[in-house]
């Protein structure tokens, strides 16, 4: 079984708890870093921890379009964004590809993390 390495960013409160609980139930997922905020710390964490997926609650995920350093070094990383209201999300990849997700549930979140790692 391949392990999916995940970095969590600003996953706090009820939504953060639901994200952690959902991922903890997946034996193939390992959260390698839990960051309180993005910025330079996130770019360094992506280079150091080499995650397959970054999960990041963002109100406006279009800011990722200007952050190529999060997606490719030293290997491809997908960023799964979740709206802070927990209703919607999206997967960003360096390809570049932006896939809007349907209404988020623990099941669809789990599926999106595993799909983003592929």
N, C-alpha and C. Protein backbone atom coordinates (compact mmCIF):
# COMPACT_ATOMS: atom_id res chain seq x y z
N UNK A 1 0.85 -1.18 0.00
CA UNK A 1 0.00 0.00 0.00
C UNK A 1 0.89 1.24 0.00
N UNK A 2 0.60 2.18 -0.87
CA UNK A 2 1.33 3.43 -0.95
C UNK A 2 0.78 4.41 0.08
N UNK A 3 1.69 5.08 0.78
CA UNK A 3 1.27 6.07 1.77
C UNK A 3 1.14 7.43 1.11
N UNK A 4 0.02 8.08 1.34
CA UNK A 4 -0.23 9.44 0.87
C UNK A 4 0.21 10.40 1.96
N UNK A 5 1.21 11.22 1.66
CA UNK A 5 1.75 12.16 2.63
C UNK A 5 1.00 13.49 2.51
N UNK A 6 0.48 13.98 3.65
CA UNK A 6 -0.37 15.18 3.65
C UNK A 6 0.20 16.22 4.60
N UNK A 7 0.21 17.48 4.17
CA UNK A 7 0.49 18.63 5.02
C UNK A 7 -0.81 19.39 5.19
N UNK A 8 -1.18 19.67 6.44
CA UNK A 8 -2.36 20.47 6.74
C UNK A 8 -1.93 21.91 6.99
N UNK A 9 -2.69 22.86 6.48
CA UNK A 9 -2.39 24.28 6.66
C UNK A 9 -3.61 24.99 7.23
N UNK A 10 -3.43 25.65 8.35
CA UNK A 10 -4.50 26.44 8.97
C UNK A 10 -5.78 25.64 9.16
N UNK A 11 -5.66 24.39 9.50
CA UNK A 11 -6.82 23.53 9.74
C UNK A 11 -7.18 23.62 11.22
N UNK A 12 -8.03 24.58 11.55
CA UNK A 12 -8.39 24.79 12.95
C UNK A 12 -9.90 24.75 13.11
N UNK A 13 -10.34 24.81 14.35
CA UNK A 13 -11.76 24.84 14.65
C UNK A 13 -12.46 23.55 14.27
N UNK A 14 -13.76 23.65 14.10
CA UNK A 14 -14.59 22.50 13.76
C UNK A 14 -14.19 21.89 12.43
N UNK A 15 -13.97 22.73 11.41
CA UNK A 15 -13.58 22.22 10.09
C UNK A 15 -12.24 21.48 10.18
N UNK A 16 -11.27 22.06 10.87
CA UNK A 16 -9.98 21.40 11.03
C UNK A 16 -10.11 20.05 11.72
N UNK A 17 -10.96 20.00 12.73
CA UNK A 17 -11.19 18.74 13.43
C UNK A 17 -11.80 17.69 12.52
N UNK A 18 -12.75 18.10 11.70
CA UNK A 18 -13.37 17.17 10.75
C UNK A 18 -12.38 16.67 9.72
N UNK A 19 -11.52 17.57 9.24
CA UNK A 19 -10.50 17.17 8.27
C UNK A 19 -9.55 16.15 8.91
N UNK A 20 -9.06 16.45 10.11
CA UNK A 20 -8.14 15.54 10.80
C UNK A 20 -8.79 14.17 11.06
N UNK A 21 -10.03 14.20 11.53
CA UNK A 21 -10.75 12.97 11.83
C UNK A 21 -10.94 12.12 10.57
N UNK A 22 -11.30 12.77 9.47
CA UNK A 22 -11.49 12.07 8.21
C UNK A 22 -10.20 11.42 7.74
N UNK A 23 -9.11 12.18 7.78
CA UNK A 23 -7.83 11.66 7.30
C UNK A 23 -7.27 10.58 8.23
N UNK A 24 -7.48 10.73 9.53
CA UNK A 24 -6.99 9.74 10.50
C UNK A 24 -7.64 8.37 10.28
N UNK A 25 -8.83 8.35 9.72
CA UNK A 25 -9.54 7.10 9.48
C UNK A 25 -9.03 6.37 8.23
N UNK A 26 -8.17 7.01 7.46
CA UNK A 26 -7.66 6.41 6.22
C UNK A 26 -6.28 5.81 6.47
N UNK A 27 -6.14 4.49 6.45
CA UNK A 27 -4.84 3.89 6.75
C UNK A 27 -3.73 4.26 5.76
N UNK A 28 -4.10 4.64 4.54
CA UNK A 28 -3.09 4.98 3.54
C UNK A 28 -2.64 6.44 3.61
N UNK A 29 -3.23 7.23 4.51
CA UNK A 29 -2.89 8.65 4.63
C UNK A 29 -2.10 8.90 5.90
N UNK A 30 -1.03 9.68 5.77
CA UNK A 30 -0.22 10.08 6.92
C UNK A 30 -0.04 11.60 6.89
N UNK A 31 -0.51 12.27 7.93
CA UNK A 31 -0.30 13.72 8.04
C UNK A 31 1.13 13.90 8.54
N UNK A 32 1.98 14.50 7.70
CA UNK A 32 3.39 14.65 8.04
C UNK A 32 3.71 16.00 8.67
N UNK A 33 2.82 16.98 8.51
CA UNK A 33 3.06 18.31 9.08
C UNK A 33 1.72 19.01 9.22
N UNK A 34 1.59 19.76 10.30
CA UNK A 34 0.38 20.53 10.57
C UNK A 34 0.83 21.96 10.84
N UNK A 35 0.62 22.84 9.86
CA UNK A 35 1.08 24.23 9.95
C UNK A 35 -0.05 25.16 10.35
N UNK A 36 0.23 26.11 11.24
CA UNK A 36 -0.80 27.06 11.63
C UNK A 36 -1.09 28.11 10.56
N UNK A 37 -0.21 28.31 9.59
CA UNK A 37 -0.42 29.33 8.56
C UNK A 37 0.39 29.02 7.32
N UNK A 38 0.13 29.76 6.24
CA UNK A 38 0.79 29.51 4.96
C UNK A 38 2.07 30.31 4.82
N UNK A 39 2.22 31.01 3.72
CA UNK A 39 3.37 31.85 3.46
C UNK A 39 4.64 31.07 3.23
N UNK A 40 5.75 31.66 3.61
CA UNK A 40 7.07 31.05 3.40
C UNK A 40 7.21 29.73 4.14
N UNK A 41 6.58 29.64 5.31
CA UNK A 41 6.65 28.39 6.08
C UNK A 41 6.07 27.24 5.27
N UNK A 42 5.01 27.51 4.53
CA UNK A 42 4.39 26.46 3.73
C UNK A 42 5.31 26.04 2.59
N UNK A 43 5.90 26.99 1.89
CA UNK A 43 6.82 26.65 0.80
C UNK A 43 7.98 25.81 1.32
N UNK A 44 8.52 26.17 2.48
CA UNK A 44 9.61 25.37 3.08
C UNK A 44 9.12 23.99 3.46
N UNK A 45 7.92 23.91 4.03
CA UNK A 45 7.37 22.61 4.44
C UNK A 45 7.16 21.70 3.23
N UNK A 46 6.71 22.26 2.11
CA UNK A 46 6.52 21.45 0.90
C UNK A 46 7.87 20.92 0.42
N UNK A 47 8.90 21.75 0.44
CA UNK A 47 10.23 21.27 0.02
C UNK A 47 10.77 20.23 0.98
N UNK A 48 10.60 20.43 2.28
CA UNK A 48 11.18 19.55 3.29
C UNK A 48 10.41 18.23 3.44
N UNK A 49 9.09 18.30 3.59
CA UNK A 49 8.27 17.12 3.88
C UNK A 49 7.82 16.38 2.64
N UNK A 50 7.89 17.01 1.48
CA UNK A 50 7.54 16.40 0.20
C UNK A 50 6.17 15.72 0.22
N UNK A 51 5.13 16.46 0.55
CA UNK A 51 3.80 15.86 0.61
C UNK A 51 3.25 15.57 -0.78
N UNK A 52 2.34 14.64 -0.82
CA UNK A 52 1.59 14.39 -2.05
C UNK A 52 0.46 15.40 -2.17
N UNK A 53 -0.10 15.78 -1.00
CA UNK A 53 -1.25 16.68 -0.97
C UNK A 53 -1.09 17.68 0.18
N UNK A 54 -1.44 18.93 -0.08
CA UNK A 54 -1.58 19.95 0.95
C UNK A 54 -3.08 20.22 1.08
N UNK A 55 -3.60 20.19 2.29
CA UNK A 55 -5.01 20.52 2.53
C UNK A 55 -5.04 21.87 3.23
N UNK A 56 -5.78 22.84 2.64
CA UNK A 56 -5.70 24.22 3.11
C UNK A 56 -7.07 24.90 3.00
N UNK A 57 -7.73 25.19 4.11
CA UNK A 57 -8.97 25.96 4.05
C UNK A 57 -8.68 27.40 3.60
N UNK A 58 -9.27 27.80 2.50
CA UNK A 58 -9.07 29.15 1.94
C UNK A 58 -10.40 29.71 1.48
N UNK A 59 -10.65 30.95 1.80
CA UNK A 59 -11.85 31.62 1.32
C UNK A 59 -11.76 31.84 -0.19
N UNK A 60 -10.61 32.27 -0.67
CA UNK A 60 -10.41 32.54 -2.09
C UNK A 60 -9.16 31.79 -2.55
N UNK A 61 -9.34 30.64 -3.15
CA UNK A 61 -8.20 29.81 -3.52
C UNK A 61 -7.50 30.26 -4.80
N UNK A 62 -7.99 31.34 -5.41
CA UNK A 62 -7.31 31.84 -6.62
C UNK A 62 -5.90 32.35 -6.30
N UNK A 63 -5.59 32.60 -5.03
CA UNK A 63 -4.23 33.03 -4.67
C UNK A 63 -3.21 31.95 -5.04
N UNK A 64 -3.65 30.72 -5.17
CA UNK A 64 -2.72 29.63 -5.51
C UNK A 64 -2.19 29.73 -6.92
N UNK A 65 -2.90 30.43 -7.79
CA UNK A 65 -2.46 30.59 -9.18
C UNK A 65 -1.10 31.30 -9.23
N UNK A 66 -0.79 32.11 -8.25
CA UNK A 66 0.49 32.82 -8.20
C UNK A 66 1.50 32.18 -7.27
N UNK A 67 1.31 30.92 -6.88
CA UNK A 67 2.20 30.25 -5.94
C UNK A 67 2.76 28.95 -6.51
N UNK A 68 3.46 28.98 -7.65
CA UNK A 68 3.95 27.74 -8.25
C UNK A 68 4.93 26.97 -7.36
N UNK A 69 5.57 27.65 -6.43
CA UNK A 69 6.54 26.97 -5.55
C UNK A 69 5.89 25.93 -4.65
N UNK A 70 4.58 25.97 -4.54
CA UNK A 70 3.89 24.99 -3.70
C UNK A 70 3.62 23.67 -4.41
N UNK A 71 3.77 23.64 -5.73
CA UNK A 71 3.31 22.49 -6.49
C UNK A 71 4.37 21.56 -7.05
N UNK A 72 5.61 21.95 -7.09
CA UNK A 72 6.51 21.11 -7.85
C UNK A 72 7.85 20.75 -7.27
N UNK A 73 8.27 21.31 -6.19
CA UNK A 73 9.63 21.05 -5.72
C UNK A 73 9.61 20.30 -4.40
N UNK A 74 10.30 19.24 -4.29
CA UNK A 74 11.10 18.54 -5.30
C UNK A 74 10.31 17.50 -6.08
N UNK A 75 9.02 17.33 -5.78
CA UNK A 75 8.18 16.43 -6.58
C UNK A 75 6.78 17.04 -6.64
N UNK A 76 5.96 16.59 -7.57
CA UNK A 76 4.62 17.19 -7.72
C UNK A 76 3.77 17.05 -6.46
N UNK A 77 3.14 18.15 -6.08
CA UNK A 77 2.25 18.20 -4.94
C UNK A 77 0.93 18.80 -5.40
N UNK A 78 -0.16 18.23 -4.96
CA UNK A 78 -1.48 18.80 -5.23
C UNK A 78 -1.92 19.57 -3.99
N UNK A 79 -2.68 20.64 -4.20
CA UNK A 79 -3.22 21.42 -3.09
C UNK A 79 -4.73 21.29 -3.14
N UNK A 80 -5.31 20.76 -2.08
CA UNK A 80 -6.76 20.64 -1.96
C UNK A 80 -7.23 21.76 -1.06
N UNK A 81 -8.03 22.65 -1.60
CA UNK A 81 -8.54 23.75 -0.80
C UNK A 81 -9.96 23.44 -0.36
N UNK A 82 -10.30 23.91 0.83
CA UNK A 82 -11.63 23.72 1.39
C UNK A 82 -12.12 25.10 1.80
N UNK A 83 -13.32 25.47 1.37
CA UNK A 83 -13.88 26.74 1.81
C UNK A 83 -14.06 26.69 3.32
N UNK A 84 -13.79 27.79 4.02
CA UNK A 84 -13.92 27.80 5.49
C UNK A 84 -15.30 27.40 6.00
N UNK A 85 -16.33 27.55 5.16
CA UNK A 85 -17.65 27.11 5.60
C UNK A 85 -17.81 25.60 5.43
N UNK A 86 -16.79 24.93 4.86
CA UNK A 86 -16.79 23.49 4.71
C UNK A 86 -17.72 22.97 3.62
N UNK A 87 -18.29 23.87 2.83
CA UNK A 87 -19.28 23.48 1.84
C UNK A 87 -18.68 23.03 0.51
N UNK A 88 -17.58 23.65 0.10
CA UNK A 88 -16.99 23.36 -1.20
C UNK A 88 -15.47 23.30 -1.10
N UNK A 89 -14.87 22.73 -2.13
CA UNK A 89 -13.43 22.65 -2.19
C UNK A 89 -12.97 22.53 -3.62
N UNK A 90 -11.66 22.49 -3.81
CA UNK A 90 -11.09 22.36 -5.15
C UNK A 90 -9.72 21.70 -5.02
N UNK A 91 -9.28 21.08 -6.10
CA UNK A 91 -7.93 20.51 -6.15
C UNK A 91 -7.15 21.30 -7.18
N UNK A 92 -5.96 21.76 -6.78
CA UNK A 92 -5.05 22.50 -7.66
C UNK A 92 -3.83 21.63 -7.91
N UNK A 93 -3.39 21.62 -9.17
CA UNK A 93 -2.19 20.88 -9.55
C UNK A 93 -1.34 21.76 -10.45
N UNK A 94 -0.06 21.48 -10.50
CA UNK A 94 0.85 22.27 -11.32
C UNK A 94 0.57 22.10 -12.81
N UNK A 95 -0.20 21.15 -13.18
CA UNK A 95 -0.38 20.82 -14.59
C UNK A 95 -0.71 21.98 -15.51
N UNK A 96 -1.24 23.09 -15.30
CA UNK A 96 -2.12 23.51 -14.21
C UNK A 96 -3.53 22.98 -14.45
N UNK A 97 -4.15 22.59 -13.39
CA UNK A 97 -5.51 22.08 -13.48
C UNK A 97 -6.24 22.46 -12.20
N UNK A 98 -7.43 22.96 -12.34
CA UNK A 98 -8.27 23.37 -11.22
C UNK A 98 -9.57 22.61 -11.34
N UNK A 99 -9.84 21.75 -10.39
CA UNK A 99 -11.05 20.93 -10.42
C UNK A 99 -11.95 21.33 -9.27
N UNK A 100 -13.13 21.84 -9.56
CA UNK A 100 -14.07 22.21 -8.52
C UNK A 100 -14.73 20.95 -8.00
N UNK A 101 -14.83 20.85 -6.69
CA UNK A 101 -15.42 19.69 -6.05
C UNK A 101 -16.88 19.96 -5.71
N UNK A 102 -17.65 18.90 -5.64
CA UNK A 102 -19.06 19.00 -5.23
C UNK A 102 -19.10 19.31 -3.73
N UNK A 103 -20.29 19.35 -3.19
CA UNK A 103 -20.45 19.60 -1.75
C UNK A 103 -19.56 18.65 -0.96
N UNK A 104 -18.83 19.19 0.00
CA UNK A 104 -17.88 18.38 0.76
C UNK A 104 -18.55 17.65 1.91
N UNK A 105 -18.19 16.39 2.02
CA UNK A 105 -18.57 15.54 3.14
C UNK A 105 -17.30 14.84 3.57
N UNK A 106 -17.26 14.19 4.72
CA UNK A 106 -16.07 13.42 5.07
C UNK A 106 -15.68 12.43 3.97
N UNK A 107 -16.66 11.79 3.35
CA UNK A 107 -16.38 10.83 2.28
C UNK A 107 -15.79 11.47 1.05
N UNK A 108 -16.37 12.61 0.62
CA UNK A 108 -15.85 13.27 -0.58
C UNK A 108 -14.49 13.92 -0.30
N UNK A 109 -14.25 14.37 0.94
CA UNK A 109 -12.94 14.91 1.32
C UNK A 109 -11.89 13.80 1.21
N UNK A 110 -12.19 12.65 1.78
CA UNK A 110 -11.26 11.52 1.73
C UNK A 110 -10.97 11.14 0.27
N UNK A 111 -12.02 11.06 -0.53
CA UNK A 111 -11.85 10.71 -1.95
C UNK A 111 -11.01 11.74 -2.67
N UNK A 112 -11.23 13.02 -2.40
CA UNK A 112 -10.47 14.09 -3.06
C UNK A 112 -8.99 14.05 -2.68
N UNK A 113 -8.67 13.77 -1.41
CA UNK A 113 -7.26 13.68 -0.98
C UNK A 113 -6.58 12.53 -1.70
N UNK A 114 -7.23 11.37 -1.76
CA UNK A 114 -6.62 10.22 -2.42
C UNK A 114 -6.49 10.45 -3.92
N UNK A 115 -7.48 11.07 -4.53
CA UNK A 115 -7.41 11.37 -5.97
C UNK A 115 -6.33 12.41 -6.26
N UNK A 116 -6.21 13.42 -5.41
CA UNK A 116 -5.20 14.47 -5.63
C UNK A 116 -3.80 13.89 -5.55
N UNK A 117 -3.61 12.82 -4.80
CA UNK A 117 -2.29 12.20 -4.66
C UNK A 117 -1.92 11.37 -5.88
N UNK A 118 -2.89 10.98 -6.68
CA UNK A 118 -2.62 10.13 -7.85
C UNK A 118 -2.01 10.93 -8.97
